[in-house]
Amino acid sequence: PPPAAAAPSSSSSPAIGTRVEGRYANGDGSASWYGATIAAVHHGGAFVTLDWEDGDTAQRRQPKQHVRLPRASASAPRASAPGVPPPPPCKGL
């Protein structure tokens, strides 16, 4: 048989304290990815317990397939081009 596909994040067990995104099932049948930190690892890394960034206590135990490393955020600060000074801070807001 062909080899099994590798997990998207890593073939090793996830580490406690790692910042990740977890898949959270919404009430309407859809799911969304939310920021979390791995609080515990179970069954050799097959499942993890997450601490959600917003403090929610539901759906904390997730299979490793529902956990991924954070993706770059569109709101993350962007580096300036070399030699270009950053813009001045906003005033009066």
N, C-alpha and C. Protein backbone atom coordinates (compact mmCIF):
# COMPACT_ATOMS: atom_id res chain seq x y z
N PRO A 1 0.84 -1.21 0.00
CA PRO A 1 0.00 0.00 0.00
C PRO A 1 0.87 1.25 0.00
N PRO A 2 0.36 2.38 -0.50
CA PRO A 2 1.15 3.62 -0.51
C PRO A 2 1.32 4.13 0.91
N PRO A 3 2.38 4.91 1.16
CA PRO A 3 2.60 5.44 2.51
C PRO A 3 1.49 6.42 2.88
N ALA A 4 1.22 6.50 4.17
CA ALA A 4 0.20 7.42 4.66
C ALA A 4 0.67 8.85 4.48
N ALA A 5 -0.28 9.75 4.24
CA ALA A 5 0.06 11.16 4.09
C ALA A 5 0.52 11.72 5.42
N ALA A 6 1.49 12.60 5.37
CA ALA A 6 2.02 13.21 6.59
C ALA A 6 1.03 14.24 7.11
N ALA A 7 1.01 14.41 8.41
CA ALA A 7 0.16 15.44 9.03
C ALA A 7 0.67 16.81 8.59
N PRO A 8 -0.22 17.79 8.44
CA PRO A 8 0.19 19.10 7.95
C PRO A 8 1.19 19.81 8.83
N SER A 9 1.11 19.64 10.15
CA SER A 9 2.00 20.41 11.01
C SER A 9 3.35 19.73 11.20
N SER A 10 3.34 18.46 11.59
CA SER A 10 4.59 17.77 11.86
C SER A 10 4.29 16.31 12.16
N SER A 11 5.26 15.44 11.92
CA SER A 11 5.05 14.03 12.22
C SER A 11 5.33 13.74 13.69
N SER A 12 6.01 14.65 14.39
CA SER A 12 6.29 14.45 15.81
C SER A 12 5.10 14.92 16.64
N SER A 13 5.09 14.52 17.91
CA SER A 13 4.02 14.93 18.80
C SER A 13 4.07 16.43 19.01
N PRO A 14 2.90 17.08 19.07
CA PRO A 14 2.88 18.51 19.33
C PRO A 14 3.37 18.79 20.75
N ALA A 15 3.98 19.92 20.95
CA ALA A 15 4.55 20.26 22.25
C ALA A 15 3.60 21.14 23.07
N ILE A 16 3.51 20.85 24.35
CA ILE A 16 2.72 21.67 25.25
C ILE A 16 3.28 23.08 25.23
N GLY A 17 2.40 24.08 25.18
CA GLY A 17 2.80 25.47 25.14
C GLY A 17 2.92 26.05 23.75
N THR A 18 2.79 25.20 22.71
CA THR A 18 2.90 25.67 21.33
C THR A 18 1.64 26.44 20.95
N ARG A 19 1.84 27.61 20.36
CA ARG A 19 0.69 28.39 19.84
C ARG A 19 0.26 27.77 18.52
N VAL A 20 -1.05 27.55 18.40
CA VAL A 20 -1.61 26.90 17.23
C VAL A 20 -2.95 27.54 16.89
N GLU A 21 -3.57 27.03 15.84
CA GLU A 21 -4.96 27.33 15.52
C GLU A 21 -5.71 26.02 15.60
N GLY A 22 -6.86 26.06 16.23
CA GLY A 22 -7.69 24.87 16.37
C GLY A 22 -9.00 25.05 15.62
N ARG A 23 -9.52 23.96 15.11
CA ARG A 23 -10.78 23.98 14.36
C ARG A 23 -11.93 23.87 15.36
N TYR A 24 -12.80 24.87 15.35
CA TYR A 24 -13.91 24.96 16.29
C TYR A 24 -15.21 24.81 15.51
N ALA A 25 -16.01 23.82 15.88
CA ALA A 25 -17.29 23.58 15.19
C ALA A 25 -18.31 24.61 15.64
N ASN A 26 -18.85 25.35 14.68
CA ASN A 26 -19.88 26.34 14.96
C ASN A 26 -21.24 25.65 15.07
N GLY A 27 -22.21 26.29 15.65
CA GLY A 27 -23.53 25.72 15.84
C GLY A 27 -24.30 25.45 14.56
N ASP A 28 -23.90 26.08 13.45
CA ASP A 28 -24.63 25.92 12.18
C ASP A 28 -24.07 24.81 11.29
N GLY A 29 -23.14 24.02 11.81
CA GLY A 29 -22.54 22.94 11.04
C GLY A 29 -21.24 23.31 10.35
N SER A 30 -20.90 24.60 10.34
CA SER A 30 -19.62 25.02 9.75
C SER A 30 -18.55 24.98 10.84
N ALA A 31 -17.32 25.28 10.46
CA ALA A 31 -16.22 25.31 11.42
C ALA A 31 -15.31 26.48 11.08
N SER A 32 -14.63 26.99 12.10
CA SER A 32 -13.70 28.11 11.94
C SER A 32 -12.42 27.79 12.70
N TRP A 33 -11.33 28.44 12.31
CA TRP A 33 -10.04 28.27 12.97
C TRP A 33 -9.83 29.42 13.94
N TYR A 34 -9.44 29.08 15.19
CA TYR A 34 -9.22 30.08 16.22
C TYR A 34 -7.87 29.84 16.90
N GLY A 35 -7.29 30.91 17.42
CA GLY A 35 -6.02 30.82 18.10
C GLY A 35 -6.13 30.07 19.43
N ALA A 36 -5.11 29.30 19.73
CA ALA A 36 -5.09 28.51 20.97
C ALA A 36 -3.65 28.15 21.31
N THR A 37 -3.48 27.59 22.50
CA THR A 37 -2.19 27.06 22.95
C THR A 37 -2.41 25.63 23.39
N ILE A 38 -1.49 24.75 23.05
CA ILE A 38 -1.61 23.34 23.44
C ILE A 38 -1.36 23.24 24.95
N ALA A 39 -2.37 22.71 25.67
CA ALA A 39 -2.29 22.57 27.12
C ALA A 39 -1.90 21.15 27.54
N ALA A 40 -2.26 20.15 26.72
CA ALA A 40 -1.94 18.75 27.04
C ALA A 40 -1.93 17.95 25.74
N VAL A 41 -1.17 16.87 25.76
CA VAL A 41 -1.06 15.96 24.61
C VAL A 41 -1.50 14.58 25.07
N HIS A 42 -2.35 13.91 24.26
CA HIS A 42 -2.90 12.61 24.62
C HIS A 42 -2.62 11.57 23.53
N HIS A 43 -2.52 10.32 23.94
CA HIS A 43 -2.38 9.19 23.02
C HIS A 43 -1.25 9.40 22.02
N GLY A 44 -0.09 9.79 22.52
CA GLY A 44 1.08 9.95 21.66
C GLY A 44 0.97 11.07 20.64
N GLY A 45 0.12 12.05 20.91
CA GLY A 45 -0.04 13.18 20.00
C GLY A 45 -1.24 13.07 19.09
N ALA A 46 -2.02 11.99 19.20
CA ALA A 46 -3.21 11.84 18.35
C ALA A 46 -4.29 12.86 18.70
N PHE A 47 -4.34 13.27 19.98
CA PHE A 47 -5.29 14.27 20.45
C PHE A 47 -4.56 15.29 21.30
N VAL A 48 -5.07 16.52 21.34
CA VAL A 48 -4.52 17.55 22.20
C VAL A 48 -5.65 18.26 22.93
N THR A 49 -5.32 18.84 24.06
CA THR A 49 -6.24 19.73 24.76
C THR A 49 -5.74 21.14 24.52
N LEU A 50 -6.66 22.02 24.09
CA LEU A 50 -6.30 23.39 23.75
C LEU A 50 -6.83 24.37 24.79
N ASP A 51 -6.07 25.43 25.03
CA ASP A 51 -6.54 26.59 25.75
C ASP A 51 -6.83 27.65 24.68
N TRP A 52 -8.11 27.92 24.45
CA TRP A 52 -8.50 28.91 23.44
C TRP A 52 -8.07 30.30 23.90
N GLU A 53 -7.61 31.12 22.96
CA GLU A 53 -7.17 32.48 23.29
C GLU A 53 -8.28 33.33 23.89
N ASP A 54 -9.53 33.07 23.50
CA ASP A 54 -10.63 33.88 24.02
C ASP A 54 -11.17 33.36 25.35
N GLY A 55 -10.57 32.29 25.89
CA GLY A 55 -10.97 31.76 27.18
C GLY A 55 -12.13 30.78 27.14
N ASP A 56 -12.68 30.50 25.97
CA ASP A 56 -13.77 29.53 25.85
C ASP A 56 -13.30 28.18 26.39
N THR A 57 -14.21 27.47 27.06
CA THR A 57 -13.84 26.17 27.62
C THR A 57 -14.48 25.01 26.86
N ALA A 58 -15.23 25.29 25.80
CA ALA A 58 -15.86 24.23 25.01
C ALA A 58 -14.89 23.71 23.95
N GLN A 59 -15.08 22.48 23.55
CA GLN A 59 -14.34 21.84 22.44
C GLN A 59 -12.83 21.95 22.60
N ARG A 60 -12.35 21.79 23.81
CA ARG A 60 -10.91 21.92 24.04
C ARG A 60 -10.13 20.71 23.53
N ARG A 61 -10.69 19.51 23.63
CA ARG A 61 -9.96 18.32 23.18
C ARG A 61 -10.21 18.13 21.69
N GLN A 62 -9.13 18.11 20.93
CA GLN A 62 -9.21 18.05 19.47
C GLN A 62 -8.27 16.98 18.92
N PRO A 63 -8.68 16.31 17.84
CA PRO A 63 -7.73 15.42 17.16
C PRO A 63 -6.65 16.27 16.49
N LYS A 64 -5.47 15.69 16.31
CA LYS A 64 -4.37 16.49 15.75
C LYS A 64 -4.68 17.01 14.35
N GLN A 65 -5.60 16.35 13.64
CA GLN A 65 -5.97 16.83 12.30
C GLN A 65 -6.72 18.16 12.36
N HIS A 66 -7.23 18.53 13.54
CA HIS A 66 -7.96 19.79 13.69
C HIS A 66 -7.10 20.87 14.32
N VAL A 67 -5.78 20.68 14.28
CA VAL A 67 -4.84 21.64 14.84
C VAL A 67 -3.78 21.93 13.80
N ARG A 68 -3.45 23.21 13.64
CA ARG A 68 -2.41 23.60 12.68
C ARG A 68 -1.60 24.75 13.26
N LEU A 69 -0.43 24.96 12.70
CA LEU A 69 0.38 26.10 13.09
C LEU A 69 -0.31 27.37 12.59
N PRO A 70 -0.18 28.48 13.32
CA PRO A 70 -0.85 29.72 12.90
C PRO A 70 -0.39 30.17 11.53
N ARG A 71 -1.33 30.70 10.79
CA ARG A 71 -1.01 31.29 9.48
C ARG A 71 -0.75 32.76 9.66
N ALA A 72 0.00 33.36 8.74
CA ALA A 72 0.30 34.79 8.81
C ALA A 72 -1.00 35.57 8.75
N SER A 73 -1.15 36.52 9.62
CA SER A 73 -2.36 37.31 9.69
C SER A 73 -2.25 38.52 8.77
N ALA A 74 -3.37 38.87 8.14
CA ALA A 74 -3.39 40.05 7.28
C ALA A 74 -3.19 41.32 8.11
N SER A 75 -3.52 41.26 9.41
CA SER A 75 -3.37 42.43 10.25
C SER A 75 -1.99 42.50 10.91
N ALA A 76 -1.14 41.51 10.65
CA ALA A 76 0.19 41.51 11.25
C ALA A 76 1.01 42.67 10.69
N PRO A 77 1.86 43.26 11.50
CA PRO A 77 2.68 44.37 11.01
C PRO A 77 3.57 43.91 9.87
N ARG A 78 3.69 44.74 8.88
CA ARG A 78 4.53 44.42 7.73
C ARG A 78 5.84 45.15 7.84
N ALA A 79 6.89 44.51 7.43
CA ALA A 79 8.21 45.14 7.45
C ALA A 79 8.30 46.18 6.34
N SER A 80 8.96 47.28 6.62
CA SER A 80 9.18 48.30 5.61
C SER A 80 10.26 47.83 4.64
N ALA A 81 10.23 48.37 3.44
CA ALA A 81 11.27 48.07 2.47
C ALA A 81 12.59 48.61 2.99
N PRO A 82 13.71 47.96 2.65
CA PRO A 82 15.02 48.44 3.13
C PRO A 82 15.24 49.90 2.75
N GLY A 83 15.70 50.69 3.72
CA GLY A 83 15.99 52.09 3.45
C GLY A 83 14.79 53.00 3.50
N VAL A 84 13.59 52.47 3.73
CA VAL A 84 12.39 53.30 3.80
C VAL A 84 11.98 53.41 5.26
N PRO A 85 11.91 54.63 5.78
CA PRO A 85 11.54 54.77 7.19
C PRO A 85 10.08 54.42 7.40
N PRO A 86 9.72 53.98 8.61
CA PRO A 86 8.32 53.68 8.88
C PRO A 86 7.50 54.95 8.90
N PRO A 87 6.20 54.85 8.68
CA PRO A 87 5.37 56.07 8.69
C PRO A 87 5.30 56.65 10.10
N PRO A 88 5.02 57.95 10.21
CA PRO A 88 4.93 58.55 11.55
C PRO A 88 3.68 58.04 12.26
N PRO A 89 3.69 58.07 13.61
CA PRO A 89 2.52 57.59 14.34
C PRO A 89 1.32 58.50 14.09
N CYS A 90 0.13 57.94 14.17
CA CYS A 90 -1.10 58.70 14.00
C CYS A 90 -1.34 59.56 15.23
N LYS A 91 -1.85 60.75 15.02
CA LYS A 91 -2.15 61.65 16.14
C LYS A 91 -3.63 61.99 16.13
N GLY A 92 -4.16 62.19 17.31
CA GLY A 92 -5.54 62.65 17.43
C GLY A 92 -6.59 61.56 17.31
N LEU A 93 -6.22 60.31 17.41
CA LEU A 93 -7.23 59.24 17.34
C LEU A 93 -7.69 58.86 18.70
